[in-house]
C-alpha atoms as a PDB file:
ATOM      1  CA  UNK A   1       0.258  -0.385  -0.148  1.00  0.00           C
ATOM      2  CA  UNK A   2       1.388   3.382  -0.976  1.00  0.00           C
ATOM      3  CA  UNK A   3      -0.044   7.097   0.167  1.00  0.00           C
ATOM      4  CA  UNK A   4      -1.556   9.549  -3.014  1.00  0.00           C
ATOM      5  CA  UNK A   5       1.015  11.740  -1.752  1.00  0.00           C
ATOM      6  CA  UNK A   6       3.683   9.357  -2.487  1.00  0.00           C
ATOM      7  CA  UNK A   7       2.272   8.129  -5.333  1.00  0.00           C
ATOM      8  CA  UNK A   8       2.016  11.674  -6.966  1.00  0.00           C
ATOM      9  CA  UNK A   9       5.109  12.278  -6.233  1.00  0.00           C
ATOM     10  CA  UNK A  10       7.139   9.103  -7.863  1.00  0.00           C
ATOM     11  CA  UNK A  11       5.217  10.061 -11.023  1.00  0.00           C
ATOM     12  CA  UNK A  12       5.952  13.555 -11.226  1.00  0.00           C
ATOM     13  CA  UNK A  13       9.967  11.700 -11.099  1.00  0.00           C
ATOM     14  CA  UNK A  14       9.268   9.753 -13.597  1.00  0.00           C
ATOM     15  CA  UNK A  15       7.324  11.883 -16.414  1.00  0.00           C
ATOM     16  CA  UNK A  16      10.012  14.494 -17.922  1.00  0.00           C
ATOM     17  CA  UNK A  17       8.773  18.056 -18.853  1.00  0.00           C
ATOM     18  CA  UNK A  18       8.081  18.721 -22.675  1.00  0.00           C
ATOM     19  CA  UNK A  19       5.889  20.785 -25.240  1.00  0.00           C
ATOM     20  CA  UNK A  20       2.801  18.713 -24.507  1.00  0.00           C
ATOM     21  CA  UNK A  21       2.859  18.102 -20.782  1.00  0.00           C
ATOM     22  CA  UNK A  22       2.581  19.405 -17.613  1.00  0.00           C
ATOM     23  CA  UNK A  23       4.293  16.318 -15.433  1.00  0.00           C
ATOM     24  CA  UNK A  24       2.039  17.645 -12.506  1.00  0.00           C
ATOM     25  CA  UNK A  25      -1.347  17.998 -14.128  1.00  0.00           C
ATOM     26  CA  UNK A  26      -0.792  14.188 -15.908  1.00  0.00           C
ATOM     27  CA  UNK A  27      -0.294  12.469 -13.018  1.00  0.00           C
ATOM     28  CA  UNK A  28      -3.459  13.677 -11.136  1.00  0.00           C
ATOM     29  CA  UNK A  29      -5.206  13.147 -13.780  1.00  0.00           C
ATOM     30  CA  UNK A  30      -4.231   9.426 -14.412  1.00  0.00           C
ATOM     31  CA  UNK A  31      -4.977   9.281 -10.536  1.00  0.00           C
ATOM     32  CA  UNK A  32      -7.835  10.261 -11.113  1.00  0.00           C
ATOM     33  CA  UNK A  33      -8.497   8.083 -13.566  1.00  0.00           C
ATOM     34  CA  UNK A  34      -8.114   5.237 -12.085  1.00  0.00           C
ATOM     35  CA  UNK A  35     -10.047   6.526  -8.531  1.00  0.00           C
ATOM     36  CA  UNK A  36     -13.031   7.752 -10.440  1.00  0.00           C
ATOM     37  CA  UNK A  37     -12.400  10.366  -8.357  1.00  0.00           C
ATOM     38  CA  UNK A  38     -11.840  15.197  -9.219  1.00  0.00           C
ATOM     39  CA  UNK A  39      -8.417  16.651  -8.542  1.00  0.00           C
ATOM     40  CA  UNK A  40      -9.963  18.231  -5.479  1.00  0.00           C
ATOM     41  CA  UNK A  41     -10.578  14.683  -3.841  1.00  0.00           C
ATOM     42  CA  UNK A  42      -6.912  13.896  -4.878  1.00  0.00           C
ATOM     43  CA  UNK A  43      -5.937  16.897  -3.041  1.00  0.00           C
ATOM     44  CA  UNK A  44      -8.146  16.959  -0.074  1.00  0.00           C
ATOM     45  CA  UNK A  45      -6.886  13.268   0.846  1.00  0.00           C
ATOM     46  CA  UNK A  46      -3.458  12.644   0.139  1.00  0.00           C
ATOM     47  CA  UNK A  47      -2.541  10.681   3.267  1.00  0.00           C
ATOM     48  CA  UNK A  48      -5.383   8.081   1.536  1.00  0.00           C
ATOM     49  CA  UNK A  49      -3.477   4.799   0.910  1.00  0.00           C
ATOM     50  CA  UNK A  50      -3.543   3.374  -2.268  1.00  0.00           C
ATOM     51  CA  UNK A  51      -4.126  -0.621  -3.064  1.00  0.00           C
ATOM     52  CA  UNK A  52      -1.486  -2.363  -5.424  1.00  0.00           C
ATOM     53  CA  UNK A  53      -3.868  -2.812  -7.832  1.00  0.00           C
ATOM     54  CA  UNK A  54      -3.977   0.775  -8.445  1.00  0.00           C
ATOM     55  CA  UNK A  55      -0.765   2.016  -8.399  1.00  0.00           C
ATOM     56  CA  UNK A  56       0.163  -0.310 -10.463  1.00  0.00           C
ATOM     57  CA  UNK A  57      -1.605   0.131 -13.090  1.00  0.00           C
ATOM     58  CA  UNK A  58      -1.088   4.296 -12.262  1.00  0.00           C
ATOM     59  CA  UNK A  59       2.899   3.371 -12.433  1.00  0.00           C
ATOM     60  CA  UNK A  60       2.286   1.317 -15.795  1.00  0.00           C
ATOM     61  CA  UNK A  61       0.463   4.462 -17.023  1.00  0.00           C
ATOM     62  CA  UNK A  62       3.005   7.285 -15.957  1.00  0.00           C
ATOM     63  CA  UNK A  63       5.784   4.989 -18.430  1.00  0.00           C
ATOM     64  CA  UNK A  64       3.460   5.372 -21.272  1.00  0.00           C
ATOM     65  CA  UNK A  65       2.963   8.800 -20.440  1.00  0.00           C
ATOM     66  CA  UNK A  66       6.382   9.541 -20.512  1.00  0.00           C
ATOM     67  CA  UNK A  67       7.363   8.203 -23.643  1.00  0.00           C
ATOM     68  CA  UNK A  68       4.285  10.962 -25.080  1.00  0.00           C
ATOM     69  CA  UNK A  69       1.656   8.523 -25.484  1.00  0.00           C
ATOM     70  CA  UNK A  70      -1.378  10.904 -25.227  1.00  0.00           C
ATOM     71  CA  UNK A  71      -3.037  10.913 -21.817  1.00  0.00           C
ATOM     72  CA  UNK A  72      -6.232  11.426 -23.463  1.00  0.00           C
ATOM     73  CA  UNK A  73      -5.883   7.663 -24.810  1.00  0.00           C
ATOM     74  CA  UNK A  74      -5.568   6.409 -22.053  1.00  0.00           C
ATOM     75  CA  UNK A  75      -8.054   8.283 -20.377  1.00  0.00           C
ATOM     76  CA  UNK A  76     -10.389   8.556 -22.717  1.00  0.00           C
ATOM     77  CA  UNK A  77     -11.444  11.810 -22.181  1.00  0.00           C
ATOM     78  CA  UNK A  78     -11.319  15.405 -23.805  1.00  0.00           C
ATOM     79  CA  UNK A  79     -13.083  18.451 -22.647  1.00  0.00           C
ATOM     80  CA  UNK A  80     -13.971  20.835 -25.838  1.00  0.00           C
ATOM     81  CA  UNK A  81     -16.292  23.704 -25.653  1.00  0.00           C
ATOM     82  CA  UNK A  82     -17.438  22.775 -21.892  1.00  0.00           C
ATOM     83  CA  UNK A  83     -18.706  19.474 -22.778  1.00  0.00           C
ATOM     84  CA  UNK A  84     -16.755  15.986 -22.372  1.00  0.00           C
ATOM     85  CA  UNK A  85     -15.846  14.302 -25.194  1.00  0.00           C
ATOM     86  CA  UNK A  86     -14.748  10.093 -25.738  1.00  0.00           C
ATOM     87  CA  UNK A  87     -11.344  10.195 -27.300  1.00  0.00           C
ATOM     88  CA  UNK A  88      -9.586   7.570 -28.477  1.00  0.00           C
ATOM     89  CA  UNK A  89      -6.672   6.372 -30.581  1.00  0.00           C
ATOM     90  CA  UNK A  90      -6.470   6.895 -34.554  1.00  0.00           C
ATOM     91  CA  UNK A  91      -8.219  10.314 -33.862  1.00  0.00           C
ATOM     92  CA  UNK A  92      -7.256  14.089 -33.445  1.00  0.00           C
ATOM     93  CA  UNK A  93      -7.351  14.595 -29.767  1.00  0.00           C
ATOM     94  CA  UNK A  94      -9.444  17.974 -29.622  1.00  0.00           C
ATOM     95  CA  UNK A  95      -7.988  21.319 -28.946  1.00  0.00           C
ATOM     96  CA  UNK A  96      -8.574  24.332 -27.369  1.00  0.00           C
ATOM     97  CA  UNK A  97      -7.840  26.533 -30.557  1.00  0.00           C
ATOM     98  CA  UNK A  98     -10.659  24.676 -31.892  1.00  0.00           C
ATOM     99  CA  UNK A  99     -13.246  26.182 -30.049  1.00  0.00           C
ATOM    100  CA  UNK A 100     -12.402  29.582 -31.402  1.00  0.00           C
ATOM    101  CA  UNK A 101     -14.073  28.449 -34.613  1.00  0.00           C
ATOM    102  CA  UNK A 102     -17.024  26.515 -32.978  1.00  0.00           C
ATOM    103  CA  UNK A 103     -17.222  30.361 -31.477  1.00  0.00           C
ATOM    104  CA  UNK A 104     -17.531  31.690 -34.448  1.00  0.00           C
ATOM    105  CA  UNK A 105     -20.425  29.965 -35.550  1.00  0.00           C
ATOM    106  CA  UNK A 106     -22.048  29.704 -32.944  1.00  0.00           C
ATOM    107  CA  UNK A 107     -22.151  34.189 -32.843  1.00  0.00           C
ATOM    108  CA  UNK A 108     -22.374  33.982 -36.317  1.00  0.00           C
ATOM    109  CA  UNK A 109     -25.918  33.102 -36.206  1.00  0.00           C
ATOM    110  CA  UNK A 110     -26.834  34.605 -32.610  1.00  0.00           C
ATOM    111  CA  UNK A 111     -26.218  37.821 -34.796  1.00  0.00           C
ATOM    112  CA  UNK A 112     -27.786  37.085 -38.155  1.00  0.00           C
ATOM    113  CA  UNK A 113     -30.728  35.825 -39.822  1.00  0.00           C
ATOM    114  CA  UNK A 114     -29.368  32.366 -38.761  1.00  0.00           C
ATOM    115  CA  UNK A 115     -31.314  31.955 -35.937  1.00  0.00           C
ATOM    116  CA  UNK A 116     -34.902  32.178 -37.169  1.00  0.00           C
ATOM    117  CA  UNK A 117     -35.193  28.950 -39.286  1.00  0.00           C
ATOM    118  CA  UNK A 118     -33.579  25.488 -39.384  1.00  0.00           C
ATOM    119  CA  UNK A 119     -29.799  25.625 -40.478  1.00  0.00           C
ATOM    120  CA  UNK A 120     -27.792  23.050 -42.302  1.00  0.00           C
ATOM    121  CA  UNK A 121     -24.376  22.542 -41.034  1.00  0.00           C
ATOM    122  CA  UNK A 122     -21.710  20.259 -42.496  1.00  0.00           C
ATOM    123  CA  UNK A 123     -18.288  19.304 -40.718  1.00  0.00           C
ATOM    124  CA  UNK A 124     -15.964  17.836 -42.609  1.00  0.00           C
ATOM    125  CA  UNK A 125     -13.440  15.606 -41.475  1.00  0.00           C
ATOM    126  CA  UNK A 126     -15.006  15.567 -38.240  1.00  0.00           C
ATOM    127  CA  UNK A 127     -12.869  13.084 -36.210  1.00  0.00           C
ATOM    128  CA  UNK A 128     -13.851  12.945 -33.059  1.00  0.00           C
ATOM    129  CA  UNK A 129     -17.275  15.380 -33.387  1.00  0.00           C
ATOM    130  CA  UNK A 130     -16.349  17.739 -31.105  1.00  0.00           C
ATOM    131  CA  UNK A 131     -17.054  20.159 -34.195  1.00  0.00           C
ATOM    132  CA  UNK A 132     -19.833  18.925 -35.313  1.00  0.00           C
ATOM    133  CA  UNK A 133     -21.146  17.943 -31.191  1.00  0.00           C
ATOM    134  CA  UNK A 134     -20.430  20.784 -30.349  1.00  0.00           C
ATOM    135  CA  UNK A 135     -22.808  22.986 -32.811  1.00  0.00           C
ATOM    136  CA  UNK A 136     -25.761  20.180 -32.964  1.00  0.00           C
ATOM    137  CA  UNK A 137     -25.380  21.135 -29.090  1.00  0.00           C
ATOM    138  CA  UNK A 138     -25.409  24.867 -28.898  1.00  0.00           C
ATOM    139  CA  UNK A 139     -26.905  25.664 -31.690  1.00  0.00           C
ATOM    140  CA  UNK A 140     -30.477  24.539 -31.443  1.00  0.00           C
ATOM    141  CA  UNK A 141     -32.138  25.311 -34.765  1.00  0.00           C
ATOM    142  CA  UNK A 142     -29.229  23.548 -36.715  1.00  0.00           C
ATOM    143  CA  UNK A 143     -28.979  20.268 -38.489  1.00  0.00           C
ATOM    144  CA  UNK A 144     -25.551  18.909 -38.008  1.00  0.00           C
ATOM    145  CA  UNK A 145     -23.917  16.553 -41.069  1.00  0.00           C
ATOM    146  CA  UNK A 146     -20.513  15.050 -39.863  1.00  0.00           C
ATOM    147  CA  UNK A 147     -18.803  13.496 -42.623  1.00  0.00           C
ATOM    148  CA  UNK A 148     -15.451  11.449 -42.076  1.00  0.00           C
ATOM    149  CA  UNK A 149     -13.748   8.942 -44.164  1.00  0.00           C
ATOM    150  CA  UNK A 150     -12.055   7.236 -41.403  1.00  0.00           C
ATOM    151  CA  UNK A 151     -14.362   4.397 -39.718  1.00  0.00           C
ATOM    152  CA  UNK A 152     -12.794   5.257 -36.745  1.00  0.00           C
ATOM    153  CA  UNK A 153     -13.346   8.851 -36.742  1.00  0.00           C
ATOM    154  CA  UNK A 154     -17.199   8.184 -37.608  1.00  0.00           C
ATOM    155  CA  UNK A 155     -17.840   5.591 -34.238  1.00  0.00           C
ATOM    156  CA  UNK A 156     -15.964   8.032 -32.329  1.00  0.00           C
ATOM    157  CA  UNK A 157     -19.046  10.718 -33.475  1.00  0.00           C
ATOM    158  CA  UNK A 158     -21.240   8.451 -32.633  1.00  0.00           C
ATOM    159  CA  UNK A 159     -20.166   7.661 -29.356  1.00  0.00           C
ATOM    160  CA  UNK A 160     -20.231  11.201 -28.708  1.00  0.00           C
ATOM    161  CA  UNK A 161     -23.511  11.828 -30.716  1.00  0.00           C
ATOM    162  CA  UNK A 162     -25.084   9.418 -27.870  1.00  0.00           C
ATOM    163  CA  UNK A 163     -23.001  10.788 -24.754  1.00  0.00           C
ATOM    164  CA  UNK A 164     -24.971  14.345 -25.182  1.00  0.00           C
ATOM    165  CA  UNK A 165     -28.343  12.362 -26.648  1.00  0.00           C
ATOM    166  CA  UNK A 166     -28.147  14.970 -29.743  1.00  0.00           C
ATOM    167  CA  UNK A 167     -31.544  13.757 -32.390  1.00  0.00           C
ATOM    168  CA  UNK A 168     -29.945  16.580 -34.799  1.00  0.00           C
ATOM    169  CA  UNK A 169     -26.832  15.369 -35.950  1.00  0.00           C
ATOM    170  CA  UNK A 170     -26.072  12.779 -38.582  1.00  0.00           C
ATOM    171  CA  UNK A 171     -23.121  11.134 -39.479  1.00  0.00           C
ATOM    172  CA  UNK A 172     -21.918   9.761 -42.810  1.00  0.00           C
ATOM    173  CA  UNK A 173     -18.861   8.159 -43.621  1.00  0.00           C
ATOM    174  CA  UNK A 174     -17.311   8.659 -47.261  1.00  0.00           C
ATOM    175  CA  UNK A 175     -15.011  10.570 -49.071  1.00  0.00           C
ATOM    176  CA  UNK A 176     -16.190  14.044 -49.170  1.00  0.00           C
ATOM    177  CA  UNK A 177     -14.399  14.828 -52.541  1.00  0.00           C
ATOM    178  CA  UNK A 178     -16.191  12.209 -54.192  1.00  0.00           C
ATOM    179  CA  UNK A 179     -19.314  14.461 -54.602  1.00  0.00           C
ATOM    180  CA  UNK A 180     -21.076  12.698 -52.277  1.00  0.00           C
ATOM    181  CA  UNK A 181     -23.605  15.583 -51.477  1.00  0.00           C
ATOM    182  CA  UNK A 182     -23.808  16.906 -55.118  1.00  0.00           C
ATOM    183  CA  UNK A 183     -27.386  16.775 -54.102  1.00  0.00           C
ATOM    184  CA  UNK A 184     -27.722  18.511 -50.992  1.00  0.00           C
ATOM    185  CA  UNK A 185     -26.840  22.307 -50.106  1.00  0.00           C
ATOM    186  CA  UNK A 186     -25.612  24.017 -47.490  1.00  0.00           C
ATOM    187  CA  UNK A 187     -26.118  27.037 -45.138  1.00  0.00           C
ATOM    188  CA  UNK A 188     -22.491  26.335 -42.917  1.00  0.00           C
ATOM    189  CA  UNK A 189     -19.939  24.190 -44.137  1.00  0.00           C
ATOM    190  CA  UNK A 190     -17.118  23.740 -41.177  1.00  0.00           C
ATOM    191  CA  UNK A 191     -14.065  22.130 -41.130  1.00  0.00           C
ATOM    192  CA  UNK A 192     -10.534  21.980 -39.075  1.00  0.00           C
ATOM    193  CA  UNK A 193      -8.744  19.588 -42.039  1.00  0.00           C
ATOM    194  CA  UNK A 194      -4.769  18.535 -41.982  1.00  0.00           C
ATOM    195  CA  UNK A 195      -2.453  21.864 -42.579  1.00  0.00           C
ATOM    196  CA  UNK A 196       0.723  20.704 -41.219  1.00  0.00           C
ATOM    197  CA  UNK A 197       3.114  21.219 -44.036  1.00  0.00           C
ATOM    198  CA  UNK A 198       4.512  17.115 -44.418  1.00  0.00           C
ATOM    199  CA  UNK A 199       8.281  17.853 -44.012  1.00  0.00           C
ATOM    200  CA  UNK A 200       7.440  19.293 -40.582  1.00  0.00           C
ATOM    201  CA  UNK A 201       5.581  16.139 -39.481  1.00  0.00           C
ATOM    202  CA  UNK A 202       8.174  14.690 -37.416  1.00  0.00           C
ATOM    203  CA  UNK A 203       9.528  18.019 -36.365  1.00  0.00           C
ATOM    204  CA  UNK A 204       6.237  18.006 -33.789  1.00  0.00           C
ATOM    205  CA  UNK A 205       6.127  16.821 -30.320  1.00  0.00           C
ATOM    206  CA  UNK A 206       6.335  13.454 -30.488  1.00  0.00           C
ATOM    207  CA  UNK A 207       2.938  13.200 -28.700  1.00  0.00           C
ATOM    208  CA  UNK A 208       1.840  14.375 -31.739  1.00  0.00           C
ATOM    209  CA  UNK A 209       3.650  13.213 -34.429  1.00  0.00           C
ATOM    210  CA  UNK A 210       4.208   9.391 -33.074  1.00  0.00           C
ATOM    211  CA  UNK A 211       0.859   8.789 -31.783  1.00  0.00           C
ATOM    212  CA  UNK A 212      -1.806  11.088 -33.536  1.00  0.00           C
ATOM    213  CA  UNK A 213      -2.902  10.013 -36.574  1.00  0.00           C
ATOM    214  CA  UNK A 214      -0.918  11.181 -39.695  1.00  0.00           C
ATOM    215  CA  UNK A 215      -4.080  11.545 -42.125  1.00  0.00           C
ATOM    216  CA  UNK A 216      -5.341  14.112 -39.618  1.00  0.00           C
ATOM    217  CA  UNK A 217      -2.234  16.312 -40.000  1.00  0.00           C
ATOM    218  CA  UNK A 218      -0.289  16.200 -43.283  1.00  0.00           C
ATOM    219  CA  UNK A 219      -1.958  19.160 -45.360  1.00  0.00           C
ATOM    220  CA  UNK A 220       0.154  18.150 -48.207  1.00  0.00           C
ATOM    221  CA  UNK A 221       3.632  19.674 -49.067  1.00  0.00           C
ATOM    222  CA  UNK A 222       2.696  22.850 -48.868  1.00  0.00           C
ATOM    223  CA  UNK A 223       0.054  22.395 -45.778  1.00  0.00           C
ATOM    224  CA  UNK A 224      -2.765  23.936 -47.921  1.00  0.00           C
ATOM    225  CA  UNK A 225      -4.683  21.138 -50.083  1.00  0.00           C
ATOM    226  CA  UNK A 226      -7.157  20.454 -48.214  1.00  0.00           C
ATOM    227  CA  UNK A 227      -8.288  24.202 -47.647  1.00  0.00           C
ATOM    228  CA  UNK A 228      -8.417  24.075 -51.938  1.00  0.00           C
ATOM    229  CA  UNK A 229     -10.364  21.114 -51.477  1.00  0.00           C
ATOM    230  CA  UNK A 230     -12.366  22.024 -49.221  1.00  0.00           C
ATOM    231  CA  UNK A 231     -13.228  25.632 -51.505  1.00  0.00           C
ATOM    232  CA  UNK A 232     -14.239  23.713 -54.399  1.00  0.00           C
ATOM    233  CA  UNK A 233     -16.735  21.040 -52.186  1.00  0.00           C
ATOM    234  CA  UNK A 234     -18.101  24.511 -50.715  1.00  0.00           C
ATOM    235  CA  UNK A 235     -18.696  25.611 -54.931  1.00  0.00           C
ATOM    236  CA  UNK A 236     -20.747  23.118 -56.049  1.00  0.00           C
ATOM    237  CA  UNK A 237     -22.712  22.636 -52.263  1.00  0.00           C
ATOM    238  CA  UNK A 238     -23.265  26.326 -51.308  1.00  0.00           C
ATOM    239  CA  UNK A 239     -26.978  27.499 -50.165  1.00  0.00           C
ATOM    240  CA  UNK A 240     -28.000  30.839 -50.597  1.00  0.00           C
ATOM    241  CA  UNK A 241     -25.995  33.484 -48.304  1.00  0.00           C
ATOM    242  CA  UNK A 242     -23.571  30.731 -46.946  1.00  0.00           C
ATOM    243  CA  UNK A 243     -20.792  30.772 -44.900  1.00  0.00           C
ATOM    244  CA  UNK A 244     -17.351  28.734 -45.175  1.00  0.00           C
ATOM    245  CA  UNK A 245     -15.079  28.211 -41.840  1.00  0.00           C
ATOM    246  CA  UNK A 246     -11.893  26.748 -41.456  1.00  0.00           C
ATOM    247  CA  UNK A 247      -8.750  26.430 -38.984  1.00  0.00           C
ATOM    248  CA  UNK A 248      -6.121  27.275 -40.302  1.00  0.00           C
ATOM    249  CA  UNK A 249      -2.216  27.225 -39.107  1.00  0.00           C
ATOM    250  CA  UNK A 250      -0.971  30.615 -37.207  1.00  0.00           C
ATOM    251  CA  UNK A 251       1.305  31.506 -40.853  1.00  0.00           C
ATOM    252  CA  UNK A 252      -1.388  30.933 -43.300  1.00  0.00           C
ATOM    253  CA  UNK A 253      -3.715  33.461 -43.045  1.00  0.00           C
ATOM    254  CA  UNK A 254      -2.654  35.250 -46.278  1.00  0.00           C
ATOM    255  CA  UNK A 255      -2.539  31.607 -48.404  1.00  0.00           C
ATOM    256  CA  UNK A 256      -5.960  30.567 -47.231  1.00  0.00           C
ATOM    257  CA  UNK A 257      -8.033  34.024 -47.875  1.00  0.00           C
ATOM    258  CA  UNK A 258      -6.192  34.046 -51.285  1.00  0.00           C
ATOM    259  CA  UNK A 259      -8.025  30.879 -51.831  1.00  0.00           C
ATOM    260  CA  UNK A 260     -11.275  31.964 -50.620  1.00  0.00           C
ATOM    261  CA  UNK A 261     -10.835  34.551 -52.649  1.00  0.00           C
ATOM    262  CA  UNK A 262     -10.080  32.893 -55.926  1.00  0.00           C
ATOM    263  CA  UNK A 263     -13.329  31.351 -55.605  1.00  0.00           C
ATOM    264  CA  UNK A 264     -14.552  34.476 -56.596  1.00  0.00           C
ATOM    265  CA  UNK A 265     -18.200  34.292 -55.192  1.00  0.00           C
ATOM    266  CA  UNK A 266     -17.420  35.948 -51.391  1.00  0.00           C
ATOM    267  CA  UNK A 267     -18.249  38.962 -50.247  1.00  0.00           C
ATOM    268  CA  UNK A 268     -16.877  39.380 -47.483  1.00  0.00           C
ATOM    269  CA  UNK A 269     -13.277  37.015 -45.507  1.00  0.00           C
ATOM    270  CA  UNK A 270     -12.657  37.483 -42.199  1.00  0.00           C
ATOM    271  CA  UNK A 271      -9.888  36.174 -40.001  1.00  0.00           C
ATOM    272  CA  UNK A 272      -9.959  35.505 -36.331  1.00  0.00           C
ATOM    273  CA  UNK A 273      -7.323  35.117 -33.594  1.00  0.00           C
ATOM    274  CA  UNK A 274      -7.388  32.964 -30.995  1.00  0.00           C
ATOM    275  CA  UNK A 275      -6.802  33.852 -27.500  1.00  0.00           C
ATOM    276  CA  UNK A 276      -2.750  33.540 -28.208  1.00  0.00           C
ATOM    277  CA  UNK A 277      -2.750  36.212 -30.648  1.00  0.00           C
ATOM    278  CA  UNK A 278      -2.327  33.956 -33.595  1.00  0.00           C
ATOM    279  CA  UNK A 279      -4.595  33.698 -36.720  1.00  0.00           C
ATOM    280  CA  UNK A 280      -6.754  30.511 -36.619  1.00  0.00           C
ATOM    281  CA  UNK A 281     -10.188  31.014 -38.591  1.00  0.00           C
ATOM    282  CA  UNK A 282     -10.563  32.372 -41.858  1.00  0.00           C
ATOM    283  CA  UNK A 283     -14.388  32.765 -42.451  1.00  0.00           C
ATOM    284  CA  UNK A 284     -15.786  33.563 -46.041  1.00  0.00           C
ATOM    285  CA  UNK A 285     -19.729  35.028 -46.340  1.00  0.00           C
ATOM    286  CA  UNK A 286     -21.541  34.792 -49.273  1.00  0.00           C
END
């Protein structure tokens, strides 16, 4: 038997500090997951003893985390937009920066005539479903279509739809670039596409480069491949006064805006920054 305090101390000594981790927080979250308690409980009960089964599982997870394995894949949990999401290997872990994109759409609907009718929203490359589920949850007058080519992504999204008991959302397993929605029109098309330049993926933190799916990261030689393809899809499926909204890398504002401009259909193109002051979301308005 060992105390919570001793276990946390041992865990911190094992985990090295890297770009994408906080050793103190990581060991707390791992232990909370195993004890099925929150961080307040762990903090207030440091002298409580933990049995050997949990101790051994804790150390196993800590060593795995020290190798760069994402904590979210071990706990199967990530918070996004105030909601809890199930995540697993094979899908991109939702990031706080992506909340800027969701908030952009929510505010847009609130402050336009979009709020007065049922909206058809399409999320391209849904992954965990974080964007699609959040929009379905917060934009009550929407019907959201979450599309992805990955079976893992679709099954993960369906778990999250059920988790939040949503009826105004569907999943479609398909390659969006094969004209699967040629007979449908959408009011809002949204996407957090792969936008990392292929050559720099290997230089990303190990959590990302080694463990997260390359399919969700690789944006081609210049990182812009999917923006061009999404723009082409939007051109075919947009409804009247529709909106295209995408997440971008911090240095892609001018390139993505140019791709939008080249469609020759947008009256307004806006770029929003994230909380760190980086360009993060480009939106085109018909």
